[in-house]
């Protein structure tokens, strides 16, 4: 059996949820995650985590038939977009303060 369909699918990135397929969306997510988790600096940086998780772990898992999906459990989960929006707002505020001090 040919691996061509599998590798075409992997190359497309379609094994990831739509909101994670865009590089810039991934970057925002990993920066927000790194900013939100208390001990994140002990585990490396956002860039290296992004590269490892997206380019290595999720790709390998998809190659073996596993994909990332949202949990269906009825719990009050946090929204990633809230963390991403908070980080962008904080960075914009810090940048505005830095510019106003010059």
PDB file of N, CA and C in Angstrom:
ATOM      1  N   UNK A   1       0.845  -1.194   0.000  1.00  0.00           N
ATOM      2  CA  UNK A   1       0.000   0.000   0.000  1.00  0.00           C
ATOM      3  C   UNK A   1       0.885   1.251   0.000  1.00  0.00           C
ATOM      4  N   UNK A   2       0.497   2.231  -0.753  1.00  0.00           N
ATOM      5  CA  UNK A   2       1.278   3.448  -0.905  1.00  0.00           C
ATOM      6  C   UNK A   2       1.069   4.401   0.276  1.00  0.00           C
ATOM      7  N   UNK A   3       2.148   5.070   0.675  1.00  0.00           N
ATOM      8  CA  UNK A   3       2.083   6.077   1.737  1.00  0.00           C
ATOM      9  C   UNK A   3       1.729   7.454   1.203  1.00  0.00           C
ATOM     10  N   UNK A   4       1.553   7.590  -0.120  1.00  0.00           N
ATOM     11  CA  UNK A   4       1.314   8.898  -0.734  1.00  0.00           C
ATOM     12  C   UNK A   4       0.098   9.603  -0.136  1.00  0.00           C
ATOM     13  N   UNK A   5      -1.069   8.964  -0.017  1.00  0.00           N
ATOM     14  CA  UNK A   5      -2.217   9.688   0.571  1.00  0.00           C
ATOM     15  C   UNK A   5      -1.955  10.135   2.010  1.00  0.00           C
ATOM     16  N   UNK A   6      -1.300   9.298   2.787  1.00  0.00           N
ATOM     17  CA  UNK A   6      -0.993   9.654   4.172  1.00  0.00           C
ATOM     18  C   UNK A   6      -0.096  10.884   4.226  1.00  0.00           C
ATOM     19  N   UNK A   7       0.972  10.891   3.459  1.00  0.00           N
ATOM     20  CA  UNK A   7       1.907  12.019   3.516  1.00  0.00           C
ATOM     21  C   UNK A   7       1.335  13.287   2.890  1.00  0.00           C
ATOM     22  N   UNK A   8       0.454  13.141   1.931  1.00  0.00           N
ATOM     23  CA  UNK A   8      -0.232  14.320   1.384  1.00  0.00           C
ATOM     24  C   UNK A   8      -1.128  14.932   2.459  1.00  0.00           C
ATOM     25  N   UNK A   9      -1.807  14.095   3.205  1.00  0.00           N
ATOM     26  CA  UNK A   9      -2.678  14.563   4.297  1.00  0.00           C
ATOM     27  C   UNK A   9      -1.848  15.219   5.383  1.00  0.00           C
ATOM     28  N   UNK A  10      -0.726  14.610   5.742  1.00  0.00           N
ATOM     29  CA  UNK A  10       0.153  15.205   6.754  1.00  0.00           C
ATOM     30  C   UNK A  10       0.688  16.550   6.283  1.00  0.00           C
ATOM     31  N   UNK A  11       1.096  16.628   5.028  1.00  0.00           N
ATOM     32  CA  UNK A  11       1.633  17.885   4.492  1.00  0.00           C
ATOM     33  C   UNK A  11       0.581  18.986   4.479  1.00  0.00           C
ATOM     34  N   UNK A  12      -0.681  18.614   4.282  1.00  0.00           N
ATOM     35  CA  UNK A  12      -1.762  19.602   4.232  1.00  0.00           C
ATOM     36  C   UNK A  12      -2.036  20.240   5.590  1.00  0.00           C
ATOM     37  N   UNK A  13      -1.676  19.558   6.664  1.00  0.00           N
ATOM     38  CA  UNK A  13      -1.985  20.056   8.003  1.00  0.00           C
ATOM     39  C   UNK A  13      -3.416  19.804   8.418  1.00  0.00           C
ATOM     40  N   UNK A  14      -4.176  19.094   7.591  1.00  0.00           N
ATOM     41  CA  UNK A  14      -5.590  18.864   7.880  1.00  0.00           C
ATOM     42  C   UNK A  14      -5.839  17.923   9.051  1.00  0.00           C
ATOM     43  N   UNK A  15      -4.800  17.387   9.615  1.00  0.00           N
ATOM     44  CA  UNK A  15      -4.949  16.547  10.810  1.00  0.00           C
ATOM     45  C   UNK A  15      -5.123  17.397  12.068  1.00  0.00           C
ATOM     46  N   UNK A  16      -4.878  18.698  11.938  1.00  0.00           N
ATOM     47  CA  UNK A  16      -5.066  19.598  13.084  1.00  0.00           C
ATOM     48  C   UNK A  16      -6.418  20.281  12.986  1.00  0.00           C
ATOM     49  N   UNK A  17      -6.996  20.650  14.124  1.00  0.00           N
ATOM     50  CA  UNK A  17      -8.246  21.419  14.083  1.00  0.00           C
ATOM     51  C   UNK A  17      -8.035  22.700  13.271  1.00  0.00           C
ATOM     52  N   UNK A  18      -9.064  23.176  12.568  1.00  0.00           N
ATOM     53  CA  UNK A  18      -8.914  24.364  11.699  1.00  0.00           C
ATOM     54  C   UNK A  18      -8.276  25.565  12.399  1.00  0.00           C
ATOM     55  N   UNK A  19      -8.600  25.781  13.660  1.00  0.00           N
ATOM     56  CA  UNK A  19      -8.072  26.954  14.361  1.00  0.00           C
ATOM     57  C   UNK A  19      -6.581  26.836  14.674  1.00  0.00           C
ATOM     58  N   UNK A  20      -5.971  25.667  14.468  1.00  0.00           N
ATOM     59  CA  UNK A  20      -4.543  25.478  14.728  1.00  0.00           C
ATOM     60  C   UNK A  20      -3.715  25.325  13.454  1.00  0.00           C
ATOM     61  N   UNK A  21      -4.323  25.409  12.300  1.00  0.00           N
ATOM     62  CA  UNK A  21      -3.592  25.171  11.055  1.00  0.00           C
ATOM     63  C   UNK A  21      -2.753  26.369  10.615  1.00  0.00           C
ATOM     64  N   UNK A  22      -3.137  27.546  10.992  1.00  0.00           N
ATOM     65  CA  UNK A  22      -2.426  28.754  10.601  1.00  0.00           C
ATOM     66  C   UNK A  22      -1.233  28.988  11.535  1.00  0.00           C
ATOM     67  N   UNK A  23      -0.066  29.239  10.963  1.00  0.00           N
ATOM     68  CA  UNK A  23       1.141  29.448  11.758  1.00  0.00           C
ATOM     69  C   UNK A  23       0.966  30.583  12.763  1.00  0.00           C
ATOM     70  N   UNK A  24       0.375  31.706  12.346  1.00  0.00           N
ATOM     71  CA  UNK A  24       0.232  32.858  13.237  1.00  0.00           C
ATOM     72  C   UNK A  24      -0.728  32.552  14.382  1.00  0.00           C
ATOM     73  N   UNK A  25      -1.773  31.787  14.108  1.00  0.00           N
ATOM     74  CA  UNK A  25      -2.688  31.377  15.179  1.00  0.00           C
ATOM     75  C   UNK A  25      -1.963  30.452  16.155  1.00  0.00           C
ATOM     76  N   UNK A  26      -1.132  29.570  15.638  1.00  0.00           N
ATOM     77  CA  UNK A  26      -0.345  28.682  16.501  1.00  0.00           C
ATOM     78  C   UNK A  26       0.598  29.503  17.385  1.00  0.00           C
ATOM     79  N   UNK A  27       1.258  30.481  16.772  1.00  0.00           N
ATOM     80  CA  UNK A  27       2.203  31.327  17.510  1.00  0.00           C
ATOM     81  C   UNK A  27       1.490  32.067  18.638  1.00  0.00           C
ATOM     82  N   UNK A  28       0.318  32.635  18.346  1.00  0.00           N
ATOM     83  CA  UNK A  28      -0.457  33.328  19.378  1.00  0.00           C
ATOM     84  C   UNK A  28      -0.837  32.373  20.499  1.00  0.00           C
ATOM     85  N   UNK A  29      -1.263  31.166  20.127  1.00  0.00           N
ATOM     86  CA  UNK A  29      -1.661  30.176  21.123  1.00  0.00           C
ATOM     87  C   UNK A  29      -0.490  29.806  22.022  1.00  0.00           C
ATOM     88  N   UNK A  30       0.668  29.504  21.446  1.00  0.00           N
ATOM     89  CA  UNK A  30       1.809  29.086  22.262  1.00  0.00           C
ATOM     90  C   UNK A  30       2.337  30.228  23.120  1.00  0.00           C
ATOM     91  N   UNK A  31       2.323  31.459  22.617  1.00  0.00           N
ATOM     92  CA  UNK A  31       2.731  32.597  23.443  1.00  0.00           C
ATOM     93  C   UNK A  31       1.770  32.803  24.605  1.00  0.00           C
ATOM     94  N   UNK A  32       0.474  32.694  24.341  1.00  0.00           N
ATOM     95  CA  UNK A  32      -0.518  32.859  25.413  1.00  0.00           C
ATOM     96  C   UNK A  32      -0.401  31.732  26.433  1.00  0.00           C
ATOM     97  N   UNK A  33      -0.220  30.520  25.944  1.00  0.00           N
ATOM     98  CA  UNK A  33      -0.079  29.378  26.847  1.00  0.00           C
ATOM     99  C   UNK A  33       1.152  29.565  27.731  1.00  0.00           C
ATOM    100  N   UNK A  34       2.250  29.967  27.134  1.00  0.00           N
ATOM    101  CA  UNK A  34       3.487  30.157  27.888  1.00  0.00           C
ATOM    102  C   UNK A  34       3.328  31.283  28.916  1.00  0.00           C
ATOM    103  N   UNK A  35       2.600  32.316  28.550  1.00  0.00           N
ATOM    104  CA  UNK A  35       2.368  33.442  29.444  1.00  0.00           C
ATOM    105  C   UNK A  35       1.411  33.089  30.579  1.00  0.00           C
ATOM    106  N   UNK A  36       0.507  32.149  30.345  1.00  0.00           N
ATOM    107  CA  UNK A  36      -0.544  31.811  31.314  1.00  0.00           C
ATOM    108  C   UNK A  36      -0.087  30.792  32.353  1.00  0.00           C
ATOM    109  N   UNK A  37       0.715  29.826  31.936  1.00  0.00           N
ATOM    110  CA  UNK A  37       1.128  28.746  32.838  1.00  0.00           C
ATOM    111  C   UNK A  37       2.250  29.235  33.743  1.00  0.00           C
ATOM    112  N   UNK A  38       2.076  29.045  35.044  1.00  0.00           N
ATOM    113  CA  UNK A  38       3.010  29.582  36.039  1.00  0.00           C
ATOM    114  C   UNK A  38       4.444  29.087  35.866  1.00  0.00           C
ATOM    115  N   UNK A  39       4.632  27.807  35.601  1.00  0.00           N
ATOM    116  CA  UNK A  39       5.986  27.252  35.552  1.00  0.00           C
ATOM    117  C   UNK A  39       6.496  27.068  34.124  1.00  0.00           C
ATOM    118  N   UNK A  40       5.942  27.790  33.186  1.00  0.00           N
ATOM    119  CA  UNK A  40       6.291  27.590  31.780  1.00  0.00           C
ATOM    120  C   UNK A  40       7.775  27.796  31.512  1.00  0.00           C
ATOM    121  N   UNK A  41       8.393  28.781  32.147  1.00  0.00           N
ATOM    122  CA  UNK A  41       9.808  29.051  31.896  1.00  0.00           C
ATOM    123  C   UNK A  41      10.702  27.887  32.314  1.00  0.00           C
ATOM    124  N   UNK A  42      10.247  27.091  33.272  1.00  0.00           N
ATOM    125  CA  UNK A  42      11.019  25.921  33.698  1.00  0.00           C
ATOM    126  C   UNK A  42      11.017  24.833  32.632  1.00  0.00           C
ATOM    127  N   UNK A  43      10.076  24.909  31.702  1.00  0.00           N
ATOM    128  CA  UNK A  43       9.920  23.868  30.690  1.00  0.00           C
ATOM    129  C   UNK A  43      10.363  24.312  29.299  1.00  0.00           C
ATOM    130  N   UNK A  44      11.109  25.383  29.203  1.00  0.00           N
ATOM    131  CA  UNK A  44      11.566  25.861  27.901  1.00  0.00           C
ATOM    132  C   UNK A  44      10.871  27.149  27.519  1.00  0.00           C
ATOM    133  N   UNK A  45      10.919  27.469  26.231  1.00  0.00           N
ATOM    134  CA  UNK A  45      10.289  28.707  25.787  1.00  0.00           C
ATOM    135  C   UNK A  45       9.155  28.399  24.808  1.00  0.00           C
ATOM    136  N   UNK A  46       8.357  29.404  24.537  1.00  0.00           N
ATOM    137  CA  UNK A  46       7.173  29.230  23.684  1.00  0.00           C
ATOM    138  C   UNK A  46       7.558  28.791  22.275  1.00  0.00           C
ATOM    139  N   UNK A  47       8.630  29.359  21.736  1.00  0.00           N
ATOM    140  CA  UNK A  47       9.041  29.003  20.370  1.00  0.00           C
ATOM    141  C   UNK A  47       9.433  27.534  20.252  1.00  0.00           C
ATOM    142  N   UNK A  48      10.264  27.061  21.174  1.00  0.00           N
ATOM    143  CA  UNK A  48      10.703  25.670  21.117  1.00  0.00           C
ATOM    144  C   UNK A  48       9.538  24.715  21.354  1.00  0.00           C
ATOM    145  N   UNK A  49       8.635  25.095  22.267  1.00  0.00           N
ATOM    146  CA  UNK A  49       7.447  24.273  22.504  1.00  0.00           C
ATOM    147  C   UNK A  49       6.575  24.201  21.263  1.00  0.00           C
ATOM    148  N   UNK A  50       6.407  25.327  20.606  1.00  0.00           N
ATOM    149  CA  UNK A  50       5.614  25.401  19.381  1.00  0.00           C
ATOM    150  C   UNK A  50       6.199  24.472  18.322  1.00  0.00           C
ATOM    151  N   UNK A  51       7.489  24.584  18.099  1.00  0.00           N
ATOM    152  CA  UNK A  51       8.148  23.762  17.085  1.00  0.00           C
ATOM    153  C   UNK A  51       7.998  22.280  17.421  1.00  0.00           C
ATOM    154  N   UNK A  52       8.270  21.929  18.664  1.00  0.00           N
ATOM    155  CA  UNK A  52       8.210  20.512  19.035  1.00  0.00           C
ATOM    156  C   UNK A  52       6.790  19.965  18.923  1.00  0.00           C
ATOM    157  N   UNK A  53       5.836  20.671  19.489  1.00  0.00           N
ATOM    158  CA  UNK A  53       4.462  20.158  19.511  1.00  0.00           C
ATOM    159  C   UNK A  53       3.868  20.076  18.113  1.00  0.00           C
ATOM    160  N   UNK A  54       3.962  21.148  17.341  1.00  0.00           N
ATOM    161  CA  UNK A  54       3.319  21.166  16.024  1.00  0.00           C
ATOM    162  C   UNK A  54       4.107  20.361  14.996  1.00  0.00           C
ATOM    163  N   UNK A  55       5.398  20.647  14.889  1.00  0.00           N
ATOM    164  CA  UNK A  55       6.192  20.033  13.823  1.00  0.00           C
ATOM    165  C   UNK A  55       6.634  18.604  14.120  1.00  0.00           C
ATOM    166  N   UNK A  56       6.591  18.222  15.382  1.00  0.00           N
ATOM    167  CA  UNK A  56       7.071  16.878  15.733  1.00  0.00           C
ATOM    168  C   UNK A  56       5.971  16.021  16.346  1.00  0.00           C
ATOM    169  N   UNK A  57       5.483  16.407  17.514  1.00  0.00           N
ATOM    170  CA  UNK A  57       4.546  15.551  18.248  1.00  0.00           C
ATOM    171  C   UNK A  57       3.228  15.336  17.506  1.00  0.00           C
ATOM    172  N   UNK A  58       2.538  16.428  17.160  1.00  0.00           N
ATOM    173  CA  UNK A  58       1.233  16.264  16.499  1.00  0.00           C
ATOM    174  C   UNK A  58       1.371  15.608  15.128  1.00  0.00           C
ATOM    175  N   UNK A  59       2.433  15.943  14.396  1.00  0.00           N
ATOM    176  CA  UNK A  59       2.666  15.315  13.094  1.00  0.00           C
ATOM    177  C   UNK A  59       2.874  13.819  13.258  1.00  0.00           C
ATOM    178  N   UNK A  60       3.713  13.425  14.214  1.00  0.00           N
ATOM    179  CA  UNK A  60       3.981  12.004  14.436  1.00  0.00           C
ATOM    180  C   UNK A  60       2.716  11.268  14.882  1.00  0.00           C
ATOM    181  N   UNK A  61       1.988  11.879  15.794  1.00  0.00           N
ATOM    182  CA  UNK A  61       0.761  11.235  16.278  1.00  0.00           C
ATOM    183  C   UNK A  61      -0.237  11.066  15.132  1.00  0.00           C
ATOM    184  N   UNK A  62      -0.367  12.078  14.273  1.00  0.00           N
ATOM    185  CA  UNK A  62      -1.279  11.975  13.124  1.00  0.00           C
ATOM    186  C   UNK A  62      -0.807  10.875  12.177  1.00  0.00           C
ATOM    187  N   UNK A  63       0.488  10.769  11.990  1.00  0.00           N
ATOM    188  CA  UNK A  63       1.053   9.715  11.139  1.00  0.00           C
ATOM    189  C   UNK A  63       0.652   8.333  11.654  1.00  0.00           C
ATOM    190  N   UNK A  64       0.461   8.236  12.955  1.00  0.00           N
ATOM    191  CA  UNK A  64       0.069   6.964  13.582  1.00  0.00           C
ATOM    192  C   UNK A  64      -1.443   6.858  13.794  1.00  0.00           C
ATOM    193  N   UNK A  65      -2.205   7.847  13.311  1.00  0.00           N
ATOM    194  CA  UNK A  65      -3.656   7.760  13.361  1.00  0.00           C
ATOM    195  C   UNK A  65      -4.345   8.497  14.495  1.00  0.00           C
ATOM    196  N   UNK A  66      -3.613   9.285  15.247  1.00  0.00           N
ATOM    197  CA  UNK A  66      -4.203  10.044  16.356  1.00  0.00           C
ATOM    198  C   UNK A  66      -4.288  11.516  15.976  1.00  0.00           C
ATOM    199  N   UNK A  67      -5.399  12.160  16.321  1.00  0.00           N
ATOM    200  CA  UNK A  67      -5.541  13.584  16.061  1.00  0.00           C
ATOM    201  C   UNK A  67      -6.048  14.298  17.308  1.00  0.00           C
ATOM    202  N   UNK A  68      -5.779  15.581  17.361  1.00  0.00           N
ATOM    203  CA  UNK A  68      -6.194  16.424  18.470  1.00  0.00           C
ATOM    204  C   UNK A  68      -7.655  16.807  18.280  1.00  0.00           C
ATOM    205  N   UNK A  69      -8.431  16.708  19.339  1.00  0.00           N
ATOM    206  CA  UNK A  69      -9.833  17.136  19.254  1.00  0.00           C
ATOM    207  C   UNK A  69     -10.272  17.730  20.580  1.00  0.00           C
ATOM    208  N   UNK A  70     -11.303  18.537  20.531  1.00  0.00           N
ATOM    209  CA  UNK A  70     -11.841  19.164  21.736  1.00  0.00           C
ATOM    210  C   UNK A  70     -12.577  18.119  22.567  1.00  0.00           C
ATOM    211  N   UNK A  71     -12.405  18.187  23.864  1.00  0.00           N
ATOM    212  CA  UNK A  71     -13.063  17.267  24.787  1.00  0.00           C
ATOM    213  C   UNK A  71     -14.566  17.544  24.813  1.00  0.00           C
ATOM    214  N   UNK A  72     -15.347  16.491  24.881  1.00  0.00           N
ATOM    215  CA  UNK A  72     -16.807  16.628  24.903  1.00  0.00           C
ATOM    216  C   UNK A  72     -17.381  16.563  26.318  1.00  0.00           C
ATOM    217  N   UNK A  73     -16.521  16.431  27.309  1.00  0.00           N
ATOM    218  CA  UNK A  73     -16.959  16.362  28.703  1.00  0.00           C
ATOM    219  C   UNK A  73     -17.643  17.671  29.077  1.00  0.00           C
ATOM    220  N   UNK A  74     -18.724  17.584  29.823  1.00  0.00           N
ATOM    221  CA  UNK A  74     -19.488  18.775  30.217  1.00  0.00           C
ATOM    222  C   UNK A  74     -18.861  19.403  31.464  1.00  0.00           C
ATOM    223  N   UNK A  75     -17.817  20.190  31.231  1.00  0.00           N
ATOM    224  CA  UNK A  75     -17.110  20.890  32.299  1.00  0.00           C
ATOM    225  C   UNK A  75     -16.915  22.346  31.890  1.00  0.00           C
ATOM    226  N   UNK A  76     -16.720  23.230  32.849  1.00  0.00           N
ATOM    227  CA  UNK A  76     -16.539  24.651  32.507  1.00  0.00           C
ATOM    228  C   UNK A  76     -15.101  24.938  32.048  1.00  0.00           C
ATOM    229  N   UNK A  77     -14.751  24.468  30.850  1.00  0.00           N
ATOM    230  CA  UNK A  77     -13.408  24.658  30.322  1.00  0.00           C
ATOM    231  C   UNK A  77     -13.117  26.136  30.082  1.00  0.00           C
ATOM    232  N   UNK A  78     -11.855  26.488  30.163  1.00  0.00           N
ATOM    233  CA  UNK A  78     -11.404  27.835  29.845  1.00  0.00           C
ATOM    234  C   UNK A  78     -11.349  27.992  28.327  1.00  0.00           C
ATOM    235  N   UNK A  79     -11.464  29.208  27.855  1.00  0.00           N
ATOM    236  CA  UNK A  79     -11.388  29.496  26.423  1.00  0.00           C
ATOM    237  C   UNK A  79      -9.979  29.977  26.078  1.00  0.00           C
ATOM    238  N   UNK A  80      -9.334  29.309  25.142  1.00  0.00           N
ATOM    239  CA  UNK A  80      -7.994  29.723  24.713  1.00  0.00           C
ATOM    240  C   UNK A  80      -8.000  31.152  24.202  1.00  0.00           C
ATOM    241  N   UNK A  81      -9.062  31.530  23.483  1.00  0.00           N
ATOM    242  CA  UNK A  81      -9.113  32.864  22.898  1.00  0.00           C
ATOM    243  C   UNK A  81      -9.071  33.942  23.973  1.00  0.00           C
ATOM    244  N   UNK A  82      -9.601  33.664  25.163  1.00  0.00           N
ATOM    245  CA  UNK A  82      -9.524  34.629  26.260  1.00  0.00           C
ATOM    246  C   UNK A  82      -8.062  34.888  26.649  1.00  0.00           C
ATOM    247  N   UNK A  83      -7.265  33.814  26.734  1.00  0.00           N
ATOM    248  CA  UNK A  83      -5.851  33.966  27.073  1.00  0.00           C
ATOM    249  C   UNK A  83      -5.089  34.680  25.965  1.00  0.00           C
ATOM    250  N   UNK A  84      -5.393  34.348  24.728  1.00  0.00           N
ATOM    251  CA  UNK A  84      -4.729  34.988  23.588  1.00  0.00           C
ATOM    252  C   UNK A  84      -5.065  36.475  23.555  1.00  0.00           C
ATOM    253  N   UNK A  85      -6.340  36.805  23.752  1.00  0.00           N
ATOM    254  CA  UNK A  85      -6.763  38.217  23.754  1.00  0.00           C
ATOM    255  C   UNK A  85      -6.120  38.978  24.902  1.00  0.00           C
ATOM    256  N   UNK A  86      -6.047  38.359  26.081  1.00  0.00           N
ATOM    257  CA  UNK A  86      -5.433  39.004  27.240  1.00  0.00           C
ATOM    258  C   UNK A  86      -3.958  39.293  26.966  1.00  0.00           C
ATOM    259  N   UNK A  87      -3.240  38.322  26.417  1.00  0.00           N
ATOM    260  CA  UNK A  87      -1.819  38.520  26.128  1.00  0.00           C
ATOM    261  C   UNK A  87      -1.621  39.639  25.119  1.00  0.00           C
ATOM    262  N   UNK A  88      -2.407  39.654  24.051  1.00  0.00           N
ATOM    263  CA  UNK A  88      -2.277  40.709  23.040  1.00  0.00           C
ATOM    264  C   UNK A  88      -2.575  42.080  23.642  1.00  0.00           C
ATOM    265  N   UNK A  89      -3.594  42.144  24.482  1.00  0.00           N
ATOM    266  CA  UNK A  89      -3.949  43.414  25.134  1.00  0.00           C
ATOM    267  C   UNK A  89      -2.817  43.881  26.047  1.00  0.00           C
ATOM    268  N   UNK A  90      -2.275  42.958  26.863  1.00  0.00           N
ATOM    269  CA  UNK A  90      -1.179  43.323  27.763  1.00  0.00           C
ATOM    270  C   UNK A  90       0.048  43.785  26.984  1.00  0.00           C
ATOM    271  N   UNK A  91       0.360  43.113  25.897  1.00  0.00           N
ATOM    272  CA  UNK A  91       1.515  43.515  25.093  1.00  0.00           C
ATOM    273  C   UNK A  91       1.299  44.878  24.455  1.00  0.00           C
ATOM    274  N   UNK A  92       0.093  45.134  23.984  1.00  0.00           N
ATOM    275  CA  UNK A  92      -0.209  46.437  23.377  1.00  0.00           C
ATOM    276  C   UNK A  92      -0.121  47.536  24.431  1.00  0.00           C
ATOM    277  N   UNK A  93      -0.627  47.276  25.636  1.00  0.00           N
ATOM    278  CA  UNK A  93      -0.555  48.261  26.715  1.00  0.00           C
ATOM    279  C   UNK A  93       0.897  48.539  27.114  1.00  0.00           C
ATOM    280  N   UNK A  94       1.693  47.477  27.216  1.00  0.00           N
ATOM    281  CA  UNK A  94       3.112  47.647  27.570  1.00  0.00           C
ATOM    282  C   UNK A  94       3.863  48.410  26.485  1.00  0.00           C
ATOM    283  N   UNK A  95       3.553  48.124  25.234  1.00  0.00           N
ATOM    284  CA  UNK A  95       4.197  48.832  24.129  1.00  0.00           C
ATOM    285  C   UNK A  95       3.816  50.312  24.144  1.00  0.00           C
ATOM    286  N   UNK A  96       2.526  50.586  24.401  1.00  0.00           N
ATOM    287  CA  UNK A  96       2.064  51.977  24.457  1.00  0.00           C
ATOM    288  C   UNK A  96       2.752  52.726  25.595  1.00  0.00           C
ATOM    289  N   UNK A  97       2.925  52.065  26.738  1.00  0.00           N
ATOM    290  CA  UNK A  97       3.632  52.700  27.862  1.00  0.00           C
ATOM    291  C   UNK A  97       5.086  52.969  27.500  1.00  0.00           C
ATOM    292  N   UNK A  98       5.711  52.016  26.825  1.00  0.00           N
ATOM    293  CA  UNK A  98       7.114  52.176  26.455  1.00  0.00           C
ATOM    294  C   UNK A  98       7.280  53.357  25.481  1.00  0.00           C
ATOM    295  N   UNK A  99       6.384  53.470  24.544  1.00  0.00           N
ATOM    296  CA  UNK A  99       6.465  54.562  23.573  1.00  0.00           C
ATOM    297  C   UNK A  99       6.184  55.911  24.234  1.00  0.00           C
ATOM    298  N   UNK A 100       5.242  55.960  25.155  1.00  0.00           N
ATOM    299  CA  UNK A 100       4.883  57.230  25.791  1.00  0.00           C
ATOM    300  C   UNK A 100       5.965  57.728  26.726  1.00  0.00           C
ATOM    301  N   UNK A 101       6.850  56.863  27.175  1.00  0.00           N
ATOM    302  CA  UNK A 101       7.957  57.257  28.073  1.00  0.00           C
ATOM    303  C   UNK A 101       9.151  57.800  27.319  1.00  0.00           C
ATOM    304  N   UNK A 102       9.137  57.730  25.984  1.00  0.00           N
ATOM    305  CA  UNK A 102      10.314  58.218  25.224  1.00  0.00           C
ATOM    306  C   UNK A 102      10.137  59.651  24.804  1.00  0.00           C
TER     307      UNK A 102
END
